[in-house]
Amino acid sequence: MAGEPQDDCLFCKIVAGRIPATIVRETETTVAFRDINPQAPTHVLVIPKAHYRDAAALAAGAPELAADLLRETQAVADEEKLESYRIVFNTGSGAGQTVWHTHAHVLGGRGLEWPPG
């Protein structure tokens, strides 16, 4: 069920403290941690503590939580002293989503070309 922790979800396990992560920020509703395979000098994932499959499901099911998630991306960028940065939500396997728990990638610390990919 949307919002409920999933036993087979990597990010739910991080939220529960069952898998270690380098946490950089935590609020009542979100957790931000360093990506284990960084694609930029700063690469932090910001996730809701509640389980939603992807950004579309989060926006539809819990818009206030989606807003919390976006606010936290700004807080991460501020703490990392990023003047410019990119926020990426991969939605679906064709877009590169590999963990089925909504997450925003905060990328910065180098020039980011357009278009990506």
Protein backbone atom coordinates (compact mmCIF):
# COMPACT_ATOMS: atom_id res chain seq x y z
CA MET A 1 0.00 0.00 0.00
CA ALA A 2 1.27 3.49 -0.83
CA GLY A 3 2.93 5.21 2.09
CA GLU A 4 3.61 1.97 3.97
CA PRO A 5 7.17 0.62 4.36
CA GLN A 6 8.01 -2.21 1.97
CA ASP A 7 10.14 -5.12 3.24
CA ASP A 8 11.96 -5.46 -0.08
CA CYS A 9 12.72 -1.74 -0.58
CA LEU A 10 16.33 -0.58 -0.17
CA PHE A 11 15.31 2.96 0.75
CA CYS A 12 12.70 1.81 3.27
CA LYS A 13 15.51 -0.16 4.92
CA ILE A 14 17.67 2.99 5.04
CA VAL A 15 14.78 4.94 6.62
CA ALA A 16 14.40 2.15 9.23
CA GLY A 17 18.14 2.18 9.97
CA ARG A 18 18.59 -1.42 8.79
CA ILE A 19 21.01 -0.42 6.03
CA PRO A 20 23.67 2.21 6.68
CA ALA A 21 23.87 5.41 4.66
CA THR A 22 25.81 8.65 4.93
CA ILE A 23 22.94 10.85 6.05
CA VAL A 24 23.37 14.58 5.50
CA ARG A 25 19.91 15.77 6.59
CA GLU A 26 16.83 14.30 8.21
CA THR A 27 13.44 15.78 8.96
CA GLU A 28 10.23 14.33 10.29
CA THR A 29 9.21 13.36 6.73
CA THR A 30 12.43 13.04 4.70
CA VAL A 31 15.96 11.66 4.71
CA ALA A 32 18.86 12.92 2.57
CA PHE A 33 21.98 10.83 2.06
CA ARG A 34 25.00 10.61 -0.23
CA ASP A 35 24.64 8.47 -3.35
CA ILE A 36 26.96 5.43 -3.26
CA ASN A 37 27.66 5.88 -7.00
CA PRO A 38 28.02 9.67 -7.33
CA GLN A 39 27.65 11.22 -10.78
CA ALA A 40 28.90 14.67 -9.66
CA PRO A 41 31.07 16.01 -6.81
CA THR A 42 27.84 16.54 -4.88
CA HIS A 43 25.25 13.79 -5.37
CA VAL A 44 22.71 13.51 -2.59
CA LEU A 45 19.45 11.56 -2.67
CA VAL A 46 16.45 13.04 -0.88
CA ILE A 47 13.65 10.57 -0.13
CA PRO A 48 10.35 10.67 1.70
CA LYS A 49 10.23 8.41 4.71
CA ALA A 50 6.89 7.10 3.45
CA HIS A 51 7.08 4.68 0.54
CA TYR A 52 5.76 5.88 -2.82
CA ARG A 53 6.84 4.09 -5.98
CA ASP A 54 7.86 7.18 -7.96
CA ALA A 55 7.47 10.96 -8.18
CA ALA A 56 4.10 10.71 -9.95
CA ALA A 57 2.67 8.44 -7.24
CA LEU A 58 3.99 10.77 -4.53
CA ALA A 59 2.50 13.85 -6.17
CA ALA A 60 -0.88 12.15 -6.58
CA GLY A 61 -1.00 10.48 -3.16
CA ALA A 62 0.71 12.97 -0.86
CA PRO A 63 1.23 16.39 -2.44
CA GLU A 64 2.23 17.94 0.89
CA LEU A 65 4.99 15.32 1.23
CA ALA A 66 6.11 16.07 -2.33
CA ALA A 67 6.44 19.72 -1.28
CA ASP A 68 8.49 18.68 1.78
CA LEU A 69 10.78 16.69 -0.49
CA LEU A 70 11.35 19.65 -2.80
CA ARG A 71 12.01 21.97 0.16
CA GLU A 72 14.65 19.54 1.38
CA THR A 73 16.41 19.54 -1.99
CA GLN A 74 16.92 23.29 -1.53
CA ALA A 75 18.13 22.78 2.05
CA VAL A 76 20.66 20.19 0.82
CA ALA A 77 21.86 22.55 -1.91
CA ASP A 78 22.24 25.35 0.66
CA GLU A 79 24.18 23.16 3.10
CA GLU A 80 26.42 21.90 0.29
CA LYS A 81 26.99 25.53 -0.79
CA LEU A 82 25.81 24.86 -4.34
CA GLU A 83 25.18 28.03 -6.34
CA SER A 84 23.66 25.97 -9.13
CA TYR A 85 22.48 22.40 -9.13
CA ARG A 86 20.16 19.95 -10.80
CA ILE A 87 17.25 18.04 -9.26
CA VAL A 88 16.43 14.79 -11.07
CA PHE A 89 13.50 12.42 -10.57
CA ASN A 90 13.79 9.24 -12.66
CA THR A 91 10.31 7.83 -13.14
CA GLY A 92 10.16 4.37 -14.71
CA SER A 93 12.84 1.95 -15.82
CA GLY A 94 13.16 3.61 -19.24
CA ALA A 95 14.20 6.81 -17.46
CA GLY A 96 16.76 5.00 -15.32
CA GLN A 97 14.79 4.39 -12.13
CA THR A 98 16.30 1.36 -10.38
CA VAL A 99 14.96 1.78 -6.83
CA TRP A 100 11.18 1.86 -6.68
CA HIS A 101 10.90 4.44 -3.88
CA THR A 102 10.57 8.11 -4.84
CA HIS A 103 13.89 9.89 -4.70
CA ALA A 104 15.28 13.18 -5.90
CA HIS A 105 18.91 13.37 -6.98
CA VAL A 106 20.58 16.66 -6.03
CA LEU A 107 23.59 17.03 -8.34
CA GLY A 108 26.14 19.83 -8.35
CA GLY A 109 29.71 20.87 -7.95
CA ARG A 110 30.54 20.73 -11.67
CA GLY A 111 29.08 21.90 -14.93
CA LEU A 112 26.04 19.89 -15.94
CA GLU A 113 25.45 19.73 -19.68
CA TRP A 114 22.12 19.85 -21.45
CA PRO A 115 20.54 17.72 -22.66
CA PRO A 116 21.36 15.08 -20.06
CA GLY A 117 21.94 11.45 -20.94
